[in-house]
Amino acid sequence: MASVVEKIALSHPDISIRFIQNNQNKLYTSGNNNLKDLIYTVFGREITANLLEVSASCPGVTITGYIGKPVIARSNRNYENYFVNGRYVRSNILSKAIEEAYKPFMMQHKYPFTMLHFQIDPQTLDVNVHPTKMELRFSDGTDGDLRRALSKEIDVYNIVIDELMIRTPITVSSNLLAVEALKLMNDRNISALPVVDDGKLVGTIRINDITGMGIVL
């Protein structure tokens, strides 16, 4: 029951919700319409401290919310949250599009944190394909359009690259050893780091590049 109430709260950050179970206050949201505050309430400090804001739109679709930095990736999809027109949904189309964008940075069998709200033309949706109305199906052609829109408008690659470059880029002229880069990637639970030259991104170095040279920790 608690997880159901959490999903309801996350789908409507503008509504104050209190959940009491066995005379204990399990959840209280202020209804201040601040999604990040709500994420803190439900998921805690570690998750909230490692979020990247998303705001994008394309014809027929508006996307807002947050995606997580690779460091908070999990071994299952429990932290992938998608809301369409105010309703929590499960969608392979949305999951695959986001996970594909994360692939350059994610260790194998790791999945990102996402908290994304979509406003989509209701005429292109069919939520009646599952008794709980949690699974989503798009009308003919719409799923491909949305997948392309996600890849284009939610530029996970550049969002994550920008964050990594701010923290610890590897410069072409630096003396950072491959083993140090490998340790850094393992510590951050990511599979790639940006390589910069004279302040400009010139590529990425991946774990496979290093381990392929026979270097291990």
Protein backbone atom coordinates (compact mmCIF):
# COMPACT_ATOMS: atom_id res chain seq x y z
CA MET A 1 0.00 0.00 0.00
CA ALA A 2 2.83 2.43 0.84
CA SER A 3 4.30 2.14 -2.65
CA VAL A 4 0.91 2.87 -4.20
CA VAL A 5 0.54 6.02 -2.10
CA GLU A 6 4.07 7.10 -3.01
CA LYS A 7 3.25 6.77 -6.71
CA ILE A 8 0.09 8.82 -6.23
CA ALA A 9 2.07 11.51 -4.41
CA LEU A 10 4.80 11.58 -7.06
CA SER A 11 2.22 11.89 -9.81
CA HIS A 12 0.63 14.95 -8.15
CA PRO A 13 3.30 17.06 -6.41
CA ASP A 14 0.76 19.89 -6.18
CA ILE A 15 -1.46 17.91 -3.77
CA SER A 16 -0.67 17.44 -0.08
CA ILE A 17 -0.96 13.78 0.93
CA ARG A 18 -0.73 12.13 4.32
CA PHE A 19 -0.55 8.35 4.68
CA ILE A 20 -1.17 6.88 8.15
CA GLN A 21 -0.74 3.16 8.81
CA ASN A 22 -1.14 1.49 12.20
CA ASN A 23 -1.43 4.93 13.77
CA GLN A 24 1.96 5.89 12.35
CA ASN A 25 2.60 8.72 9.92
CA LYS A 26 4.26 6.88 6.98
CA LEU A 27 4.24 9.67 4.41
CA TYR A 28 3.45 13.35 4.33
CA THR A 29 3.87 15.64 1.35
CA SER A 30 3.45 19.40 1.48
CA GLY A 31 1.79 19.86 -1.90
CA ASN A 32 4.15 22.73 -2.75
CA ASN A 33 4.43 21.48 -6.37
CA ASN A 34 8.18 21.01 -5.99
CA LEU A 35 9.02 17.61 -7.45
CA LYS A 36 12.55 17.61 -6.08
CA ASP A 37 11.29 18.14 -2.53
CA LEU A 38 8.94 15.23 -3.06
CA ILE A 39 11.76 13.00 -4.32
CA TYR A 40 13.70 13.84 -1.16
CA THR A 41 10.70 12.84 0.98
CA VAL A 42 10.25 9.50 -0.77
CA PHE A 43 13.79 8.49 -1.76
CA GLY A 44 16.06 10.38 0.63
CA ARG A 45 19.20 12.51 0.51
CA GLU A 46 21.53 10.35 -1.60
CA ILE A 47 19.14 10.19 -4.54
CA THR A 48 18.17 13.87 -4.35
CA ALA A 49 21.81 15.00 -4.25
CA ASN A 50 22.53 13.21 -7.53
CA LEU A 51 19.74 14.42 -9.81
CA LEU A 52 19.90 16.16 -13.17
CA GLU A 53 16.91 18.26 -14.21
CA VAL A 54 15.11 17.56 -17.49
CA SER A 55 12.83 19.94 -19.35
CA ALA A 56 12.09 19.27 -23.00
CA SER A 57 9.32 19.36 -25.56
CA CYS A 58 8.58 18.26 -29.09
CA PRO A 59 5.35 18.21 -31.14
CA GLY A 60 2.67 16.59 -29.00
CA VAL A 61 4.94 15.80 -26.04
CA THR A 62 6.19 17.79 -23.04
CA ILE A 63 8.70 16.19 -20.67
CA THR A 64 9.72 17.45 -17.22
CA GLY A 65 11.38 15.90 -14.20
CA TYR A 66 14.74 14.46 -13.19
CA ILE A 67 17.17 11.75 -14.17
CA GLY A 68 19.85 10.35 -11.89
CA LYS A 69 23.60 10.52 -12.24
CA PRO A 70 25.15 7.11 -12.95
CA VAL A 71 26.46 6.91 -9.39
CA ILE A 72 22.94 6.13 -8.09
CA ALA A 73 22.21 3.41 -10.65
CA ARG A 74 20.55 0.29 -9.29
CA SER A 75 20.57 -3.39 -10.25
CA ASN A 76 16.86 -3.36 -11.11
CA ARG A 77 14.29 -1.03 -12.66
CA ASN A 78 12.53 -0.19 -9.41
CA TYR A 79 13.82 3.39 -9.56
CA GLU A 80 12.56 4.07 -13.07
CA ASN A 81 9.43 6.17 -12.71
CA TYR A 82 7.33 7.39 -15.62
CA PHE A 83 4.11 9.37 -15.39
CA VAL A 84 1.97 10.10 -18.43
CA ASN A 85 -0.73 12.74 -18.11
CA GLY A 86 -0.64 12.41 -14.31
CA ARG A 87 -0.79 8.61 -14.25
CA TYR A 88 2.01 6.24 -13.23
CA VAL A 89 2.70 3.86 -16.10
CA ARG A 90 5.02 1.08 -17.18
CA SER A 91 6.27 1.32 -20.73
CA ASN A 92 8.98 -0.66 -22.49
CA ILE A 93 9.21 2.15 -25.03
CA LEU A 94 10.11 4.73 -22.40
CA SER A 95 12.41 2.41 -20.45
CA LYS A 96 14.35 1.23 -23.49
CA ALA A 97 14.79 4.75 -24.85
CA ILE A 98 16.22 6.05 -21.57
CA GLU A 99 18.34 2.99 -20.87
CA GLU A 100 19.81 3.13 -24.37
CA ALA A 101 20.84 6.73 -23.78
CA TYR A 102 22.57 5.77 -20.53
CA LYS A 103 24.51 2.85 -22.03
CA PRO A 104 27.82 4.72 -22.57
CA PHE A 105 28.06 5.41 -18.83
CA MET A 106 26.29 2.52 -17.14
CA MET A 107 27.87 -0.68 -15.89
CA GLN A 108 26.25 -3.84 -17.24
CA HIS A 109 22.96 -4.82 -15.56
CA LYS A 110 22.60 -1.38 -13.97
CA TYR A 111 19.56 0.84 -14.45
CA PRO A 112 19.10 4.59 -13.96
CA PHE A 113 16.96 6.57 -11.58
CA THR A 114 14.28 8.45 -13.50
CA MET A 115 11.39 10.61 -12.40
CA LEU A 116 9.86 11.87 -15.63
CA HIS A 117 6.46 13.41 -16.27
CA PHE A 118 5.09 13.31 -19.82
CA GLN A 119 2.20 15.31 -21.17
CA ILE A 120 1.05 13.55 -24.35
CA ASP A 121 -1.96 13.97 -26.60
CA PRO A 122 -4.52 11.51 -25.10
CA GLN A 123 -5.71 10.52 -28.57
CA THR A 124 -2.39 8.78 -29.21
CA LEU A 125 -2.61 6.64 -26.05
CA ASP A 126 -4.32 3.45 -24.98
CA VAL A 127 -4.15 2.77 -21.24
CA ASN A 128 -6.77 0.01 -21.34
CA VAL A 129 -4.38 -2.78 -22.41
CA HIS A 130 -3.91 -3.88 -18.77
CA PRO A 131 -6.51 -4.29 -15.99
CA THR A 132 -4.65 -1.90 -13.67
CA LYS A 133 -4.24 0.67 -16.47
CA MET A 134 -0.53 0.84 -15.62
CA GLU A 135 0.80 -0.39 -18.95
CA LEU A 136 0.82 1.96 -21.89
CA ARG A 137 0.38 1.40 -25.60
CA PHE A 138 0.74 4.03 -28.28
CA SER A 139 -1.22 4.33 -31.48
CA ASP A 140 0.42 3.26 -34.73
CA GLY A 141 3.59 5.18 -35.40
CA THR A 142 3.53 7.17 -32.17
CA ASP A 143 5.91 4.85 -30.31
CA GLY A 144 8.66 5.40 -32.88
CA ASP A 145 8.09 9.15 -32.83
CA LEU A 146 8.34 9.20 -29.05
CA ARG A 147 11.49 7.09 -29.00
CA ARG A 148 13.16 9.47 -31.42
CA ALA A 149 11.93 12.46 -29.42
CA LEU A 150 13.38 11.02 -26.22
CA SER A 151 16.73 10.41 -27.88
CA LYS A 152 16.80 13.94 -29.28
CA GLU A 153 15.21 16.04 -26.56
CA ILE A 154 16.48 14.24 -23.45
CA ASP A 155 20.15 14.33 -24.31
CA VAL A 156 21.33 12.00 -21.56
CA TYR A 157 24.78 11.70 -23.14
CA ASN A 158 25.54 15.42 -23.00
CA ILE A 159 23.78 15.93 -19.66
CA VAL A 160 25.94 13.27 -18.03
CA ILE A 161 29.10 14.31 -19.90
CA ASP A 162 28.64 17.90 -18.69
CA GLU A 163 28.29 16.70 -15.11
CA LEU A 164 31.34 14.44 -15.36
CA MET A 165 33.46 17.17 -16.95
CA ILE A 166 32.66 19.48 -14.07
CA ARG A 167 33.72 16.86 -11.54
CA THR A 168 36.80 15.09 -12.93
CA PRO A 169 37.54 15.08 -16.65
CA ILE A 170 40.56 13.28 -18.01
CA THR A 171 42.69 15.67 -20.01
CA VAL A 172 44.82 14.60 -22.94
CA SER A 173 47.86 16.24 -21.40
CA SER A 174 47.38 14.85 -17.90
CA ASN A 175 49.45 12.08 -16.34
CA LEU A 176 46.39 10.25 -15.04
CA LEU A 177 47.24 6.56 -15.37
CA ALA A 178 44.82 4.08 -16.86
CA VAL A 179 44.56 2.26 -13.55
CA GLU A 180 43.50 5.52 -11.86
CA ALA A 181 40.85 6.10 -14.51
CA LEU A 182 39.61 2.55 -14.00
CA LYS A 183 39.42 3.07 -10.24
CA LEU A 184 37.53 6.34 -10.75
CA MET A 185 34.97 4.65 -12.97
CA ASN A 186 34.52 1.79 -10.55
CA ASP A 187 34.10 4.23 -7.64
CA ARG A 188 31.42 6.16 -9.54
CA ASN A 189 29.77 3.04 -10.91
CA ILE A 190 30.09 4.31 -14.48
CA SER A 191 31.59 2.80 -17.60
CA ALA A 192 33.06 5.90 -19.30
CA LEU A 193 34.74 9.23 -18.60
CA PRO A 194 35.07 12.30 -20.83
CA VAL A 195 38.44 13.15 -22.35
CA VAL A 196 39.09 16.85 -22.87
CA ASP A 197 41.80 18.80 -24.63
CA ASP A 198 42.21 22.53 -24.02
CA GLY A 199 38.85 22.58 -22.28
CA LYS A 200 36.98 20.89 -25.14
CA LEU A 201 35.45 17.43 -25.16
CA VAL A 202 37.35 15.25 -27.64
CA GLY A 203 35.97 11.84 -26.76
CA THR A 204 35.41 9.34 -23.99
CA ILE A 205 37.51 6.61 -22.41
CA ARG A 206 35.60 3.45 -21.53
CA ILE A 207 36.22 0.67 -19.06
CA ASN A 208 36.45 -1.80 -21.94
CA ASP A 209 39.25 0.30 -23.49
CA ILE A 210 41.30 -0.08 -20.32
CA THR A 211 40.51 -3.68 -19.44
CA GLY A 212 41.17 -4.60 -23.08
CA MET A 213 44.79 -3.63 -22.43
CA GLY A 214 44.93 -6.20 -19.65
CA ILE A 215 44.73 -3.63 -16.85
CA VAL A 216 42.66 -4.70 -13.83
CA LEU A 217 42.34 -3.50 -10.26
